[in-house]
Structures are given as structure tokens and as C-alpha cells.
Amino acid sequence: MPQAVAAAERMAAARTVGDPVCSLSAVGQPNPSLVPQVGRIGIGHYGDYWCLIW
């Protein structure tokens, strides 16, 4: 998902976790138990930064 990838790139550039676009942000591997069981999740990553949108 392009929006999630762009958010991950912004987080990597800022060297911080968190972006208003993301429902869940992480550096390293996200914990799958924190992700809700919903029908569709947009995922984007850049380097070690992850953005999940639901």
C-alpha cells in the first residue's frame, strides 16, 4: 500500500516510530498478536520501519 510505504519512509527519515497515517507502527518486526483480525490491512515497510493501516 503506497500510503503505508510513504509513512514508513517518513519514520525512517525521522528515526522515530509513529505516523498519523498508521494504525500500528513498529521498528523491527511487528508483533502479530497486536494486529486485530480484520478483513484487510495495508502494510508498508522501509528498512526496519513498518506501518500497518486498517
N, C-alpha and C. Protein backbone atom coordinates (compact mmCIF):
# COMPACT_ATOMS: atom_id res chain seq x y z
N MET A 1 0.85 -1.17 0.00
CA MET A 1 0.00 0.00 0.00
C MET A 1 0.90 1.23 0.00
N PRO A 2 0.79 2.08 -1.01
CA PRO A 2 1.69 3.22 -1.15
C PRO A 2 1.69 4.18 0.05
N GLN A 3 0.52 4.41 0.65
CA GLN A 3 0.45 5.33 1.79
C GLN A 3 1.23 4.78 2.98
N ALA A 4 1.17 3.47 3.19
CA ALA A 4 1.88 2.84 4.29
C ALA A 4 3.39 2.87 4.05
N VAL A 5 3.81 2.66 2.81
CA VAL A 5 5.23 2.72 2.47
C VAL A 5 5.76 4.14 2.68
N ALA A 6 4.99 5.13 2.23
CA ALA A 6 5.42 6.53 2.40
C ALA A 6 5.55 6.87 3.88
N ALA A 7 4.62 6.39 4.70
CA ALA A 7 4.68 6.65 6.14
C ALA A 7 5.92 5.98 6.74
N ALA A 8 6.22 4.75 6.31
CA ALA A 8 7.42 4.06 6.81
C ALA A 8 8.68 4.81 6.41
N GLU A 9 8.70 5.36 5.21
CA GLU A 9 9.85 6.15 4.77
C GLU A 9 10.00 7.41 5.62
N ARG A 10 8.89 8.07 5.95
CA ARG A 10 8.96 9.27 6.80
C ARG A 10 9.50 8.91 8.18
N MET A 11 9.03 7.79 8.73
CA MET A 11 9.51 7.38 10.06
C MET A 11 11.00 7.07 10.02
N ALA A 12 11.45 6.39 8.97
CA ALA A 12 12.87 6.06 8.85
C ALA A 12 13.70 7.34 8.74
N ALA A 13 13.22 8.30 7.96
CA ALA A 13 13.96 9.55 7.80
C ALA A 13 14.03 10.32 9.12
N ALA A 14 12.95 10.27 9.91
CA ALA A 14 12.92 10.96 11.19
C ALA A 14 13.54 10.13 12.31
N ARG A 15 13.82 8.86 12.02
CA ARG A 15 14.37 7.92 13.01
C ARG A 15 13.50 7.86 14.26
N THR A 16 12.17 7.77 14.01
CA THR A 16 11.20 7.68 15.09
C THR A 16 10.05 6.78 14.66
N VAL A 17 9.38 6.20 15.61
CA VAL A 17 8.24 5.33 15.33
C VAL A 17 6.97 6.13 15.55
N GLY A 18 6.07 6.08 14.58
CA GLY A 18 4.78 6.74 14.70
C GLY A 18 4.53 7.69 13.54
N ASP A 19 3.38 7.53 12.92
CA ASP A 19 2.94 8.40 11.84
C ASP A 19 1.42 8.44 11.90
N PRO A 20 0.81 9.61 11.71
CA PRO A 20 -0.65 9.70 11.80
C PRO A 20 -1.40 8.79 10.85
N VAL A 21 -0.78 8.40 9.74
CA VAL A 21 -1.43 7.53 8.77
C VAL A 21 -1.56 6.10 9.29
N CYS A 22 -0.65 5.67 10.14
CA CYS A 22 -0.57 4.28 10.56
C CYS A 22 -1.50 3.97 11.73
N SER A 23 -2.17 2.83 11.63
CA SER A 23 -2.94 2.32 12.78
C SER A 23 -1.99 1.68 13.78
N LEU A 24 -0.91 1.09 13.28
CA LEU A 24 0.12 0.49 14.12
C LEU A 24 1.46 0.75 13.46
N SER A 25 2.43 1.22 14.23
CA SER A 25 3.78 1.48 13.73
C SER A 25 4.76 0.65 14.52
N ALA A 26 5.85 0.25 13.87
CA ALA A 26 6.85 -0.54 14.57
C ALA A 26 8.20 -0.36 13.91
N VAL A 27 9.23 -0.61 14.69
CA VAL A 27 10.58 -0.72 14.16
C VAL A 27 11.01 -2.14 14.50
N GLY A 28 11.62 -2.82 13.55
CA GLY A 28 11.87 -4.25 13.72
C GLY A 28 10.64 -4.99 13.24
N GLN A 29 10.41 -6.17 13.73
CA GLN A 29 9.24 -6.94 13.32
C GLN A 29 8.04 -6.61 14.20
N PRO A 30 6.88 -6.27 13.58
CA PRO A 30 5.69 -6.03 14.38
C PRO A 30 5.24 -7.32 15.06
N ASN A 31 4.65 -7.18 16.22
CA ASN A 31 4.14 -8.32 16.97
C ASN A 31 2.78 -8.71 16.39
N PRO A 32 2.66 -9.88 15.77
CA PRO A 32 1.39 -10.27 15.14
C PRO A 32 0.22 -10.32 16.12
N SER A 33 0.47 -10.52 17.39
CA SER A 33 -0.62 -10.59 18.35
C SER A 33 -1.26 -9.22 18.59
N LEU A 34 -0.59 -8.13 18.18
CA LEU A 34 -1.14 -6.79 18.34
C LEU A 34 -2.02 -6.37 17.17
N VAL A 35 -2.00 -7.15 16.09
CA VAL A 35 -2.76 -6.80 14.89
C VAL A 35 -4.16 -7.40 15.00
N PRO A 36 -5.20 -6.56 14.89
CA PRO A 36 -6.56 -7.10 15.01
C PRO A 36 -6.92 -7.98 13.82
N GLN A 37 -7.86 -8.86 14.03
CA GLN A 37 -8.33 -9.75 12.97
C GLN A 37 -9.40 -9.01 12.17
N VAL A 38 -8.96 -8.25 11.19
CA VAL A 38 -9.87 -7.50 10.33
C VAL A 38 -9.72 -8.01 8.91
N GLY A 39 -10.66 -7.66 8.07
CA GLY A 39 -10.67 -8.18 6.71
C GLY A 39 -9.51 -7.74 5.84
N ARG A 40 -9.04 -6.52 6.04
CA ARG A 40 -7.99 -6.02 5.15
C ARG A 40 -7.04 -5.11 5.92
N ILE A 41 -5.75 -5.32 5.72
CA ILE A 41 -4.72 -4.50 6.35
C ILE A 41 -3.75 -4.06 5.27
N GLY A 42 -3.47 -2.76 5.23
CA GLY A 42 -2.45 -2.24 4.33
C GLY A 42 -1.12 -2.26 5.06
N ILE A 43 -0.11 -2.80 4.41
CA ILE A 43 1.21 -2.94 5.03
C ILE A 43 2.25 -2.23 4.17
N GLY A 44 3.10 -1.48 4.84
CA GLY A 44 4.21 -0.84 4.16
C GLY A 44 5.43 -0.88 5.06
N HIS A 45 6.59 -1.08 4.47
CA HIS A 45 7.81 -1.03 5.27
C HIS A 45 8.92 -0.37 4.47
N TYR A 46 9.86 0.16 5.22
CA TYR A 46 11.04 0.79 4.64
C TYR A 46 12.16 0.54 5.63
N GLY A 47 13.17 -0.19 5.22
CA GLY A 47 14.22 -0.59 6.16
C GLY A 47 13.60 -1.42 7.28
N ASP A 48 13.81 -1.02 8.51
CA ASP A 48 13.26 -1.73 9.67
C ASP A 48 11.93 -1.13 10.14
N TYR A 49 11.43 -0.11 9.47
CA TYR A 49 10.22 0.58 9.91
C TYR A 49 8.99 0.03 9.19
N TRP A 50 7.93 -0.19 9.96
CA TRP A 50 6.70 -0.78 9.45
C TRP A 50 5.52 0.13 9.76
N CYS A 51 4.57 0.15 8.84
CA CYS A 51 3.32 0.87 9.01
C CYS A 51 2.19 -0.06 8.60
N LEU A 52 1.24 -0.26 9.49
CA LEU A 52 0.06 -1.06 9.19
C LEU A 52 -1.16 -0.15 9.28
N ILE A 53 -2.04 -0.27 8.28
CA ILE A 53 -3.24 0.54 8.23
C ILE A 53 -4.45 -0.38 8.12
N TRP A 54 -5.41 -0.20 9.00
CA TRP A 54 -6.68 -0.93 8.88
C TRP A 54 -7.84 -0.02 9.07
